[in-house]
Amino acid sequence: MRLGRRAVKRGMHRQLPALTVVFVLLGGLAHRDASPPAVTCHIPTVSYRFVGDPGTEFSYDGETWRVPWSGWIELIASKEATEYQVNGRSLPLEVWPRDEFGTRTVPLPVKRERR
């Protein structure tokens, strides 16, 4: 039995998706030796996580905030802010360690009960 041109073309169209998958898989294996791209962020501190007793009031970047019931609040870092204010004192932000995500955890003073 002799196959015509149309029959051959139809058969190739059926094989094309399978061949595409094979090429994609083989192409992925060939590039496995490449090292992953290095991710760099030019913002050293991305955010500040203020941790303290619920209700503790502090100021950051010109706004006043209160710690919620969870005991912490995370704020996006401002380029201009270098200090925060709590209990009438201005304190530096950059003294607290930064984690691998660029967040600095800032402990707020504990409220002391008056006797």
PDB file of N, CA and C in Angstrom:
ATOM      1  N   MET A   1       0.845  -1.171   0.000  1.00  0.00           N
ATOM      2  CA  MET A   1       0.000   0.000   0.000  1.00  0.00           C
ATOM      3  C   MET A   1       0.891   1.235   0.000  1.00  0.00           C
ATOM      4  N   ARG A   2       0.551   2.151  -0.846  1.00  0.00           N
ATOM      5  CA  ARG A   2       1.355   3.354  -0.992  1.00  0.00           C
ATOM      6  C   ARG A   2       0.676   4.521  -0.288  1.00  0.00           C
ATOM      7  N   LEU A   3       1.468   5.268   0.527  1.00  0.00           N
ATOM      8  CA  LEU A   3       0.908   6.405   1.250  1.00  0.00           C
ATOM      9  C   LEU A   3       1.088   7.677   0.449  1.00  0.00           C
ATOM     10  N   GLY A   4       0.080   8.481   0.416  1.00  0.00           N
ATOM     11  CA  GLY A   4       0.161   9.751  -0.279  1.00  0.00           C
ATOM     12  C   GLY A   4       0.790  10.823   0.610  1.00  0.00           C
ATOM     13  N   ARG A   5       1.023  11.975   0.026  1.00  0.00           N
ATOM     14  CA  ARG A   5       1.633  13.084   0.767  1.00  0.00           C
ATOM     15  C   ARG A   5       0.782  13.514   1.967  1.00  0.00           C
ATOM     16  N   ARG A   6      -0.502  13.524   1.781  1.00  0.00           N
ATOM     17  CA  ARG A   6      -1.380  13.945   2.874  1.00  0.00           C
ATOM     18  C   ARG A   6      -1.274  13.017   4.076  1.00  0.00           C
ATOM     19  N   ALA A   7      -1.191  11.752   3.854  1.00  0.00           N
ATOM     20  CA  ALA A   7      -1.094  10.797   4.959  1.00  0.00           C
ATOM     21  C   ALA A   7       0.205  10.994   5.724  1.00  0.00           C
ATOM     22  N   VAL A   8       1.298  11.258   5.020  1.00  0.00           N
ATOM     23  CA  VAL A   8       2.590  11.477   5.670  1.00  0.00           C
ATOM     24  C   VAL A   8       2.535  12.759   6.495  1.00  0.00           C
ATOM     25  N   LYS A   9       1.971  13.827   5.944  1.00  0.00           N
ATOM     26  CA  LYS A   9       1.867  15.093   6.661  1.00  0.00           C
ATOM     27  C   LYS A   9       1.012  14.951   7.913  1.00  0.00           C
ATOM     28  N   ARG A  10      -0.078  14.202   7.830  1.00  0.00           N
ATOM     29  CA  ARG A  10      -0.937  14.007   8.996  1.00  0.00           C
ATOM     30  C   ARG A  10      -0.181  13.270  10.104  1.00  0.00           C
ATOM     31  N   GLY A  11       0.579  12.293   9.722  1.00  0.00           N
ATOM     32  CA  GLY A  11       1.352  11.543  10.711  1.00  0.00           C
ATOM     33  C   GLY A  11       2.382  12.430  11.402  1.00  0.00           C
ATOM     34  N   MET A  12       3.010  13.326  10.683  1.00  0.00           N
ATOM     35  CA  MET A  12       3.987  14.240  11.269  1.00  0.00           C
ATOM     36  C   MET A  12       3.314  15.209  12.231  1.00  0.00           C
ATOM     37  N   HIS A  13       2.135  15.642  11.906  1.00  0.00           N
ATOM     38  CA  HIS A  13       1.421  16.559  12.796  1.00  0.00           C
ATOM     39  C   HIS A  13       1.067  15.881  14.116  1.00  0.00           C
ATOM     40  N   ARG A  14       0.814  14.587  14.072  1.00  0.00           N
ATOM     41  CA  ARG A  14       0.517  13.870  15.305  1.00  0.00           C
ATOM     42  C   ARG A  14       1.774  13.713  16.166  1.00  0.00           C
ATOM     43  N   GLN A  15       2.918  13.601  15.540  1.00  0.00           N
ATOM     44  CA  GLN A  15       4.166  13.397  16.268  1.00  0.00           C
ATOM     45  C   GLN A  15       4.787  14.704  16.759  1.00  0.00           C
ATOM     46  N   LEU A  16       4.409  15.796  16.171  1.00  0.00           N
ATOM     47  CA  LEU A  16       5.012  17.081  16.511  1.00  0.00           C
ATOM     48  C   LEU A  16       4.889  17.433  17.993  1.00  0.00           C
ATOM     49  N   PRO A  17       3.721  17.303  18.654  1.00  0.00           N
ATOM     50  CA  PRO A  17       3.654  17.619  20.089  1.00  0.00           C
ATOM     51  C   PRO A  17       4.586  16.733  20.927  1.00  0.00           C
ATOM     52  N   ALA A  18       4.677  15.456  20.586  1.00  0.00           N
ATOM     53  CA  ALA A  18       5.557  14.554  21.334  1.00  0.00           C
ATOM     54  C   ALA A  18       7.015  14.952  21.144  1.00  0.00           C
ATOM     55  N   LEU A  19       7.399  15.319  19.955  1.00  0.00           N
ATOM     56  CA  LEU A  19       8.771  15.742  19.694  1.00  0.00           C
ATOM     57  C   LEU A  19       9.094  17.044  20.430  1.00  0.00           C
ATOM     58  N   THR A  20       8.133  17.928  20.489  1.00  0.00           N
ATOM     59  CA  THR A  20       8.338  19.194  21.200  1.00  0.00           C
ATOM     60  C   THR A  20       8.609  18.930  22.671  1.00  0.00           C
ATOM     61  N   VAL A  21       7.852  18.047  23.288  1.00  0.00           N
ATOM     62  CA  VAL A  21       8.057  17.707  24.700  1.00  0.00           C
ATOM     63  C   VAL A  21       9.447  17.113  24.898  1.00  0.00           C
ATOM     64  N   VAL A  22       9.868  16.232  24.006  1.00  0.00           N
ATOM     65  CA  VAL A  22      11.193  15.605  24.113  1.00  0.00           C
ATOM     66  C   VAL A  22      12.284  16.670  24.024  1.00  0.00           C
ATOM     67  N   PHE A  23      12.177  17.591  23.096  1.00  0.00           N
ATOM     68  CA  PHE A  23      13.191  18.635  22.952  1.00  0.00           C
ATOM     69  C   PHE A  23      13.246  19.544  24.178  1.00  0.00           C
ATOM     70  N   VAL A  24      12.095  19.867  24.736  1.00  0.00           N
ATOM     71  CA  VAL A  24      12.062  20.715  25.931  1.00  0.00           C
ATOM     72  C   VAL A  24      12.722  20.010  27.104  1.00  0.00           C
ATOM     73  N   LEU A  25      12.409  18.748  27.295  1.00  0.00           N
ATOM     74  CA  LEU A  25      13.002  17.982  28.399  1.00  0.00           C
ATOM     75  C   LEU A  25      14.508  17.823  28.226  1.00  0.00           C
ATOM     76  N   LEU A  26      14.937  17.485  27.023  1.00  0.00           N
ATOM     77  CA  LEU A  26      16.374  17.331  26.774  1.00  0.00           C
ATOM     78  C   LEU A  26      17.101  18.666  26.888  1.00  0.00           C
ATOM     79  N   GLY A  27      16.465  19.734  26.461  1.00  0.00           N
ATOM     80  CA  GLY A  27      17.074  21.059  26.585  1.00  0.00           C
ATOM     81  C   GLY A  27      17.255  21.448  28.033  1.00  0.00           C
ATOM     82  N   GLY A  28      16.293  21.103  28.884  1.00  0.00           N
ATOM     83  CA  GLY A  28      16.399  21.389  30.315  1.00  0.00           C
ATOM     84  C   GLY A  28      17.526  20.608  30.963  1.00  0.00           C
ATOM     85  N   LEU A  29      17.736  19.379  30.530  1.00  0.00           N
ATOM     86  CA  LEU A  29      18.827  18.571  31.089  1.00  0.00           C
ATOM     87  C   LEU A  29      20.186  19.113  30.676  1.00  0.00           C
ATOM     88  N   ALA A  30      20.277  19.634  29.485  1.00  0.00           N
ATOM     89  CA  ALA A  30      21.561  20.146  28.992  1.00  0.00           C
ATOM     90  C   ALA A  30      22.002  21.388  29.756  1.00  0.00           C
ATOM     91  N   HIS A  31      21.078  22.144  30.313  1.00  0.00           N
ATOM     92  CA  HIS A  31      21.410  23.393  30.997  1.00  0.00           C
ATOM     93  C   HIS A  31      21.453  23.262  32.510  1.00  0.00           C
ATOM     94  N   ARG A  32      21.496  22.069  33.028  1.00  0.00           N
ATOM     95  CA  ARG A  32      21.501  21.877  34.478  1.00  0.00           C
ATOM     96  C   ARG A  32      22.781  22.345  35.136  1.00  0.00           C
ATOM     97  N   ASP A  33      23.863  22.405  34.406  1.00  0.00           N
ATOM     98  CA  ASP A  33      25.140  22.813  34.984  1.00  0.00           C
ATOM     99  C   ASP A  33      25.196  24.309  35.272  1.00  0.00           C
ATOM    100  N   ALA A  34      24.308  25.067  34.684  1.00  0.00           N
ATOM    101  CA  ALA A  34      24.329  26.517  34.877  1.00  0.00           C
ATOM    102  C   ALA A  34      23.980  26.853  36.323  1.00  0.00           C
ATOM    103  N   SER A  35      24.698  27.797  36.904  1.00  0.00           N
ATOM    104  CA  SER A  35      24.422  28.200  38.279  1.00  0.00           C
ATOM    105  C   SER A  35      23.178  29.081  38.315  1.00  0.00           C
ATOM    106  N   PRO A  36      22.424  29.044  39.416  1.00  0.00           N
ATOM    107  CA  PRO A  36      21.223  29.878  39.508  1.00  0.00           C
ATOM    108  C   PRO A  36      21.601  31.355  39.522  1.00  0.00           C
ATOM    109  N   PRO A  37      20.714  32.200  39.045  1.00  0.00           N
ATOM    110  CA  PRO A  37      21.028  33.631  39.028  1.00  0.00           C
ATOM    111  C   PRO A  37      21.174  34.179  40.441  1.00  0.00           C
ATOM    112  N   ALA A  38      22.081  35.106  40.603  1.00  0.00           N
ATOM    113  CA  ALA A  38      22.279  35.745  41.903  1.00  0.00           C
ATOM    114  C   ALA A  38      21.268  36.873  42.057  1.00  0.00           C
ATOM    115  N   VAL A  39      20.517  36.836  43.127  1.00  0.00           N
ATOM    116  CA  VAL A  39      19.506  37.857  43.381  1.00  0.00           C
ATOM    117  C   VAL A  39      20.110  38.907  44.303  1.00  0.00           C
ATOM    118  N   THR A  40      20.052  40.148  43.870  1.00  0.00           N
ATOM    119  CA  THR A  40      20.565  41.232  44.703  1.00  0.00           C
ATOM    120  C   THR A  40      19.505  42.315  44.817  1.00  0.00           C
ATOM    121  N   CYS A  41      19.417  42.846  46.003  1.00  0.00           N
ATOM    122  CA  CYS A  41      18.485  43.934  46.262  1.00  0.00           C
ATOM    123  C   CYS A  41      19.318  45.113  46.736  1.00  0.00           C
ATOM    124  N   HIS A  42      19.095  46.261  46.154  1.00  0.00           N
ATOM    125  CA  HIS A  42      19.899  47.430  46.496  1.00  0.00           C
ATOM    126  C   HIS A  42      19.306  48.214  47.660  1.00  0.00           C
ATOM    127  N   ILE A  43      18.309  47.625  48.314  1.00  0.00           N
ATOM    128  CA  ILE A  43      17.729  48.233  49.509  1.00  0.00           C
ATOM    129  C   ILE A  43      18.195  47.378  50.683  1.00  0.00           C
ATOM    130  N   PRO A  44      19.102  47.882  51.504  1.00  0.00           N
ATOM    131  CA  PRO A  44      19.612  47.037  52.590  1.00  0.00           C
ATOM    132  C   PRO A  44      18.541  46.632  53.601  1.00  0.00           C
ATOM    133  N   THR A  45      17.698  47.562  54.016  1.00  0.00           N
ATOM    134  CA  THR A  45      16.622  47.247  54.956  1.00  0.00           C
ATOM    135  C   THR A  45      15.291  47.419  54.238  1.00  0.00           C
ATOM    136  N   VAL A  46      14.529  46.330  54.157  1.00  0.00           N
ATOM    137  CA  VAL A  46      13.253  46.348  53.448  1.00  0.00           C
ATOM    138  C   VAL A  46      12.114  46.756  54.377  1.00  0.00           C
ATOM    139  N   SER A  47      12.171  46.257  55.622  1.00  0.00           N
ATOM    140  CA  SER A  47      11.096  46.570  56.565  1.00  0.00           C
ATOM    141  C   SER A  47      11.613  46.512  57.999  1.00  0.00           C
ATOM    142  N   TYR A  48      10.806  47.048  58.897  1.00  0.00           N
ATOM    143  CA  TYR A  48      11.092  47.012  60.331  1.00  0.00           C
ATOM    144  C   TYR A  48       9.923  46.319  61.016  1.00  0.00           C
ATOM    145  N   ARG A  49      10.225  45.343  61.858  1.00  0.00           N
ATOM    146  CA  ARG A  49       9.198  44.665  62.649  1.00  0.00           C
ATOM    147  C   ARG A  49       9.344  45.157  64.088  1.00  0.00           C
ATOM    148  N   PHE A  50       8.392  45.958  64.499  1.00  0.00           N
ATOM    149  CA  PHE A  50       8.393  46.495  65.861  1.00  0.00           C
ATOM    150  C   PHE A  50       7.668  45.501  66.762  1.00  0.00           C
ATOM    151  N   VAL A  51       8.349  45.044  67.803  1.00  0.00           N
ATOM    152  CA  VAL A  51       7.815  44.022  68.699  1.00  0.00           C
ATOM    153  C   VAL A  51       7.698  44.607  70.100  1.00  0.00           C
ATOM    154  N   GLY A  52       6.532  44.446  70.720  1.00  0.00           N
ATOM    155  CA  GLY A  52       6.329  44.972  72.070  1.00  0.00           C
ATOM    156  C   GLY A  52       4.983  44.579  72.624  1.00  0.00           C
ATOM    157  N   ASP A  53       4.693  45.101  73.786  1.00  0.00           N
ATOM    158  CA  ASP A  53       3.403  44.837  74.423  1.00  0.00           C
ATOM    159  C   ASP A  53       2.283  45.457  73.584  1.00  0.00           C
ATOM    160  N   PRO A  54       1.147  44.745  73.471  1.00  0.00           N
ATOM    161  CA  PRO A  54       0.011  45.333  72.743  1.00  0.00           C
ATOM    162  C   PRO A  54      -0.363  46.697  73.334  1.00  0.00           C
ATOM    163  N   GLY A  55      -0.592  47.646  72.447  1.00  0.00           N
ATOM    164  CA  GLY A  55      -0.966  48.994  72.864  1.00  0.00           C
ATOM    165  C   GLY A  55       0.213  49.947  73.000  1.00  0.00           C
ATOM    166  N   THR A  56       1.442  49.424  72.944  1.00  0.00           N
ATOM    167  CA  THR A  56       2.621  50.298  73.027  1.00  0.00           C
ATOM    168  C   THR A  56       2.613  51.249  71.845  1.00  0.00           C
ATOM    169  N   GLU A  57       2.775  52.535  72.131  1.00  0.00           N
ATOM    170  CA  GLU A  57       2.742  53.568  71.096  1.00  0.00           C
ATOM    171  C   GLU A  57       4.156  54.011  70.762  1.00  0.00           C
ATOM    172  N   PHE A  58       4.418  54.181  69.469  1.00  0.00           N
ATOM    173  CA  PHE A  58       5.716  54.647  68.998  1.00  0.00           C
ATOM    174  C   PHE A  58       5.515  55.433  67.712  1.00  0.00           C
ATOM    175  N   SER A  59       6.529  56.193  67.313  1.00  0.00           N
ATOM    176  CA  SER A  59       6.472  56.957  66.065  1.00  0.00           C
ATOM    177  C   SER A  59       7.575  56.497  65.132  1.00  0.00           C
ATOM    178  N   TYR A  60       7.210  56.405  63.868  1.00  0.00           N
ATOM    179  CA  TYR A  60       8.169  56.022  62.832  1.00  0.00           C
ATOM    180  C   TYR A  60       7.825  56.797  61.566  1.00  0.00           C
ATOM    181  N   ASP A  61       8.809  57.455  61.011  1.00  0.00           N
ATOM    182  CA  ASP A  61       8.655  58.202  59.757  1.00  0.00           C
ATOM    183  C   ASP A  61       7.517  59.223  59.830  1.00  0.00           C
ATOM    184  N   GLY A  62       7.400  59.908  60.973  1.00  0.00           N
ATOM    185  CA  GLY A  62       6.428  60.980  61.114  1.00  0.00           C
ATOM    186  C   GLY A  62       5.021  60.532  61.457  1.00  0.00           C
ATOM    187  N   GLU A  63       4.786  59.230  61.594  1.00  0.00           N
ATOM    188  CA  GLU A  63       3.449  58.734  61.941  1.00  0.00           C
ATOM    189  C   GLU A  63       3.501  57.980  63.261  1.00  0.00           C
ATOM    190  N   THR A  64       2.409  58.033  63.998  1.00  0.00           N
ATOM    191  CA  THR A  64       2.322  57.336  65.275  1.00  0.00           C
ATOM    192  C   THR A  64       1.599  56.009  65.080  1.00  0.00           C
ATOM    193  N   TRP A  65       2.162  54.965  65.674  1.00  0.00           N
ATOM    194  CA  TRP A  65       1.635  53.603  65.535  1.00  0.00           C
ATOM    195  C   TRP A  65       1.419  52.987  66.911  1.00  0.00           C
ATOM    196  N   ARG A  66       0.535  52.001  66.980  1.00  0.00           N
ATOM    197  CA  ARG A  66       0.310  51.215  68.199  1.00  0.00           C
ATOM    198  C   ARG A  66       0.521  49.745  67.860  1.00  0.00           C
ATOM    199  N   VAL A  67       1.179  49.043  68.765  1.00  0.00           N
ATOM    200  CA  VAL A  67       1.386  47.612  68.569  1.00  0.00           C
ATOM    201  C   VAL A  67       0.033  46.910  68.750  1.00  0.00           C
ATOM    202  N   PRO A  68      -0.382  46.095  67.769  1.00  0.00           N
ATOM    203  CA  PRO A  68      -1.671  45.389  67.890  1.00  0.00           C
ATOM    204  C   PRO A  68      -1.584  44.211  68.873  1.00  0.00           C
ATOM    205  N   TRP A  69      -2.694  43.511  69.043  1.00  0.00           N
ATOM    206  CA  TRP A  69      -2.768  42.399  70.001  1.00  0.00           C
ATOM    207  C   TRP A  69      -1.801  41.275  69.662  1.00  0.00           C
ATOM    208  N   SER A  70      -1.383  41.175  68.421  1.00  0.00           N
ATOM    209  CA  SER A  70      -0.438  40.116  68.035  1.00  0.00           C
ATOM    210  C   SER A  70       0.937  40.317  68.671  1.00  0.00           C
ATOM    211  N   GLY A  71       1.227  41.553  69.113  1.00  0.00           N
ATOM    212  CA  GLY A  71       2.517  41.842  69.746  1.00  0.00           C
ATOM    213  C   GLY A  71       3.576  42.350  68.792  1.00  0.00           C
ATOM    214  N   TRP A  72       3.236  42.525  67.527  1.00  0.00           N
ATOM    215  CA  TRP A  72       4.200  43.065  66.571  1.00  0.00           C
ATOM    216  C   TRP A  72       3.479  43.723  65.403  1.00  0.00           C
ATOM    217  N   ILE A  73       4.194  44.641  64.775  1.00  0.00           N
ATOM    218  CA  ILE A  73       3.693  45.304  63.572  1.00  0.00           C
ATOM    219  C   ILE A  73       4.890  45.501  62.648  1.00  0.00           C
ATOM    220  N   GLU A  74       4.721  45.185  61.377  1.00  0.00           N
ATOM    221  CA  GLU A  74       5.812  45.319  60.413  1.00  0.00           C
ATOM    222  C   GLU A  74       5.499  46.464  59.455  1.00  0.00           C
ATOM    223  N   LEU A  75       6.455  47.374  59.319  1.00  0.00           N
ATOM    224  CA  LEU A  75       6.280  48.543  58.457  1.00  0.00           C
ATOM    225  C   LEU A  75       7.349  48.547  57.377  1.00  0.00           C
ATOM    226  N   ILE A  76       6.970  48.950  56.188  1.00  0.00           N
ATOM    227  CA  ILE A  76       7.926  49.049  55.086  1.00  0.00           C
ATOM    228  C   ILE A  76       8.915  50.159  55.391  1.00  0.00           C
ATOM    229  N   ALA A  77      10.175  49.897  55.113  1.00  0.00           N
ATOM    230  CA  ALA A  77      11.236  50.863  55.415  1.00  0.00           C
ATOM    231  C   ALA A  77      11.095  52.122  54.567  1.00  0.00           C
ATOM    232  N   SER A  78      11.345  53.242  55.198  1.00  0.00           N
ATOM    233  CA  SER A  78      11.350  54.531  54.526  1.00  0.00           C
ATOM    234  C   SER A  78      12.800  54.930  54.298  1.00  0.00           C
ATOM    235  N   LYS A  79      13.087  55.508  53.154  1.00  0.00           N
ATOM    236  CA  LYS A  79      14.462  55.931  52.861  1.00  0.00           C
ATOM    237  C   LYS A  79      14.919  57.057  53.773  1.00  0.00           C
ATOM    238  N   GLU A  80      13.974  57.879  54.229  1.00  0.00           N
ATOM    239  CA  GLU A  80      14.330  59.048  55.033  1.00  0.00           C
ATOM    240  C   GLU A  80      14.469  58.745  56.524  1.00  0.00           C
ATOM    241  N   ALA A  81      13.751  57.754  57.022  1.00  0.00           N
ATOM    242  CA  ALA A  81      13.724  57.495  58.462  1.00  0.00           C
ATOM    243  C   ALA A  81      14.982  56.759  58.916  1.00  0.00           C
ATOM    244  N   THR A  82      15.654  57.302  59.919  1.00  0.00           N
ATOM    245  CA  THR A  82      16.825  56.654  60.516  1.00  0.00           C
ATOM    246  C   THR A  82      16.627  56.397  62.001  1.00  0.00           C
ATOM    247  N   GLU A  83      15.518  56.931  62.544  1.00  0.00           N
ATOM    248  CA  GLU A  83      15.230  56.789  63.966  1.00  0.00           C
ATOM    249  C   GLU A  83      13.745  56.504  64.170  1.00  0.00           C
ATOM    250  N   TYR A  84      13.426  56.020  65.368  1.00  0.00           N
ATOM    251  CA  TYR A  84      12.044  55.889  65.795  1.00  0.00           C
ATOM    252  C   TYR A  84      11.933  56.514  67.179  1.00  0.00           C
ATOM    253  N   GLN A  85      10.738  56.907  67.546  1.00  0.00           N
ATOM    254  CA  GLN A  85      10.532  57.578  68.819  1.00  0.00           C
ATOM    255  C   GLN A  85       9.591  56.740  69.682  1.00  0.00           C
ATOM    256  N   VAL A  86      10.004  56.565  70.946  1.00  0.00           N
ATOM    257  CA  VAL A  86       9.177  55.849  71.899  1.00  0.00           C
ATOM    258  C   VAL A  86       9.447  56.426  73.289  1.00  0.00           C
ATOM    259  N   ASN A  87       8.392  56.653  74.054  1.00  0.00           N
ATOM    260  CA  ASN A  87       8.491  57.235  75.403  1.00  0.00           C
ATOM    261  C   ASN A  87       9.293  58.539  75.420  1.00  0.00           C
ATOM    262  N   GLY A  88       9.125  59.359  74.394  1.00  0.00           N
ATOM    263  CA  GLY A  88       9.797  60.653  74.343  1.00  0.00           C
ATOM    264  C   GLY A  88      11.267  60.597  73.960  1.00  0.00           C
ATOM    265  N   ARG A  89      11.761  59.452  73.573  1.00  0.00           N
ATOM    266  CA  ARG A  89      13.176  59.304  73.182  1.00  0.00           C
ATOM    267  C   ARG A  89      13.278  58.937  71.714  1.00  0.00           C
ATOM    268  N   SER A  90      14.306  59.471  71.038  1.00  0.00           N
ATOM    269  CA  SER A  90      14.613  59.084  69.667  1.00  0.00           C
ATOM    270  C   SER A  90      15.723  58.044  69.703  1.00  0.00           C
ATOM    271  N   LEU A  91      15.480  56.933  69.039  1.00  0.00           N
ATOM    272  CA  LEU A  91      16.438  55.839  69.047  1.00  0.00           C
ATOM    273  C   LEU A  91      16.793  55.440  67.612  1.00  0.00           C
ATOM    274  N   PRO A  92      18.041  55.024  67.363  1.00  0.00           N
ATOM    275  CA  PRO A  92      18.451  54.650  66.010  1.00  0.00           C
ATOM    276  C   PRO A  92      17.849  53.305  65.581  1.00  0.00           C
ATOM    277  N   LEU A  93      17.587  53.172  64.295  1.00  0.00           N
ATOM    278  CA  LEU A  93      17.010  51.942  63.755  1.00  0.00           C
ATOM    279  C   LEU A  93      18.073  50.948  63.283  1.00  0.00           C
ATOM    280  N   GLU A  94      19.188  51.438  62.819  1.00  0.00           N
ATOM    281  CA  GLU A  94      20.165  50.574  62.164  1.00  0.00           C
ATOM    282  C   GLU A  94      21.020  49.742  63.117  1.00  0.00           C
ATOM    283  N   VAL A  95      20.767  49.789  64.409  1.00  0.00           N
ATOM    284  CA  VAL A  95      21.563  49.009  65.362  1.00  0.00           C
ATOM    285  C   VAL A  95      21.055  47.569  65.482  1.00  0.00           C
ATOM    286  N   TRP A  96      19.832  47.304  65.035  1.00  0.00           N
ATOM    287  CA  TRP A  96      19.256  45.971  65.154  1.00  0.00           C
ATOM    288  C   TRP A  96      19.666  45.104  63.977  1.00  0.00           C
ATOM    289  N   PRO A  97      19.928  43.820  64.205  1.00  0.00           N
ATOM    290  CA  PRO A  97      20.378  42.955  63.102  1.00  0.00           C
ATOM    291  C   PRO A  97      19.307  42.791  62.028  1.00  0.00           C
ATOM    292  N   ARG A  98      19.777  42.574  60.816  1.00  0.00           N
ATOM    293  CA  ARG A  98      18.900  42.402  59.655  1.00  0.00           C
ATOM    294  C   ARG A  98      18.885  40.915  59.291  1.00  0.00           C
ATOM    295  N   ASP A  99      17.695  40.359  59.044  1.00  0.00           N
ATOM    296  CA  ASP A  99      17.626  38.951  58.651  1.00  0.00           C
ATOM    297  C   ASP A  99      17.875  38.804  57.151  1.00  0.00           C
ATOM    298  N   GLU A 100      17.786  37.567  56.641  1.00  0.00           N
ATOM    299  CA  GLU A 100      18.102  37.300  55.229  1.00  0.00           C
ATOM    300  C   GLU A 100      17.106  37.924  54.265  1.00  0.00           C
ATOM    301  N   PHE A 101      15.964  38.376  54.769  1.00  0.00           N
ATOM    302  CA  PHE A 101      14.971  39.020  53.912  1.00  0.00           C
ATOM    303  C   PHE A 101      15.045  40.542  53.979  1.00  0.00           C
ATOM    304  N   GLY A 102      15.960  41.084  54.759  1.00  0.00           N
ATOM    305  CA  GLY A 102      16.115  42.530  54.868  1.00  0.00           C
ATOM    306  C   GLY A 102      15.227  43.159  55.924  1.00  0.00           C
ATOM    307  N   THR A 103      14.728  42.364  56.862  1.00  0.00           N
ATOM    308  CA  THR A 103      13.867  42.884  57.932  1.00  0.00           C
ATOM    309  C   THR A 103      14.677  43.044  59.212  1.00  0.00           C
ATOM    310  N   ARG A 104      14.508  44.170  59.859  1.00  0.00           N
ATOM    311  CA  ARG A 104      15.131  44.404  61.168  1.00  0.00           C
ATOM    312  C   ARG A 104      14.031  44.326  62.228  1.00  0.00           C
ATOM    313  N   THR A 105      14.265  43.492  63.250  1.00  0.00           N
ATOM    314  CA  THR A 105      13.316  43.376  64.349  1.00  0.00           C
ATOM    315  C   THR A 105      13.727  44.352  65.440  1.00  0.00           C
ATOM    316  N   VAL A 106      12.823  45.281  65.751  1.00  0.00           N
ATOM    317  CA  VAL A 106      13.097  46.351  66.718  1.00  0.00           C
ATOM    318  C   VAL A 106      12.271  46.091  67.983  1.00  0.00           C
ATOM    319  N   PRO A 107      12.939  45.730  69.093  1.00  0.00           N
ATOM    320  CA  PRO A 107      12.182  45.521  70.334  1.00  0.00           C
ATOM    321  C   PRO A 107      11.812  46.864  70.961  1.00  0.00           C
ATOM    322  N   LEU A 108      10.555  46.993  71.353  1.00  0.00           N
ATOM    323  CA  LEU A 108      10.094  48.203  72.026  1.00  0.00           C
ATOM    324  C   LEU A 108      10.170  47.987  73.536  1.00  0.00           C
ATOM    325  N   PRO A 109      10.363  49.062  74.295  1.00  0.00           N
ATOM    326  CA  PRO A 109      10.457  48.906  75.749  1.00  0.00           C
ATOM    327  C   PRO A 109       9.182  48.300  76.340  1.00  0.00           C
ATOM    328  N   VAL A 110       9.365  47.500  77.361  1.00  0.00           N
ATOM    329  CA  VAL A 110       8.240  46.857  78.040  1.00  0.00           C
ATOM    330  C   VAL A 110       7.595  47.860  78.987  1.00  0.00           C
ATOM    331  N   LYS A 111       6.282  47.873  79.007  1.00  0.00           N
ATOM    332  CA  LYS A 111       5.557  48.764  79.928  1.00  0.00           C
ATOM    333  C   LYS A 111       5.785  48.282  81.353  1.00  0.00           C
ATOM    334  N   ARG A 112       6.106  49.194  82.217  1.00  0.00           N
ATOM    335  CA  ARG A 112       6.283  48.853  83.635  1.00  0.00           C
ATOM    336  C   ARG A 112       5.103  49.364  84.424  1.00  0.00           C
ATOM    337  N   GLU A 113       4.605  48.516  85.298  1.00  0.00           N
ATOM    338  CA  GLU A 113       3.467  48.910  86.118  1.00  0.00           C
ATOM    339  C   GLU A 113       3.945  49.811  87.251  1.00  0.00           C
ATOM    340  N   ARG A 114       3.201  50.857  87.523  1.00  0.00           N
ATOM    341  CA  ARG A 114       3.527  51.754  88.639  1.00  0.00           C
ATOM    342  C   ARG A 114       2.894  51.215  89.922  1.00  0.00           C
ATOM    343  N   ARG A 115       3.628  51.268  90.999  1.00  0.00           N
ATOM    344  CA  ARG A 115       3.103  50.756  92.272  1.00  0.00           C
ATOM    345  C   ARG A 115       2.750  51.874  93.186  1.00  0.00           C
TER     346      ARG A 115
END
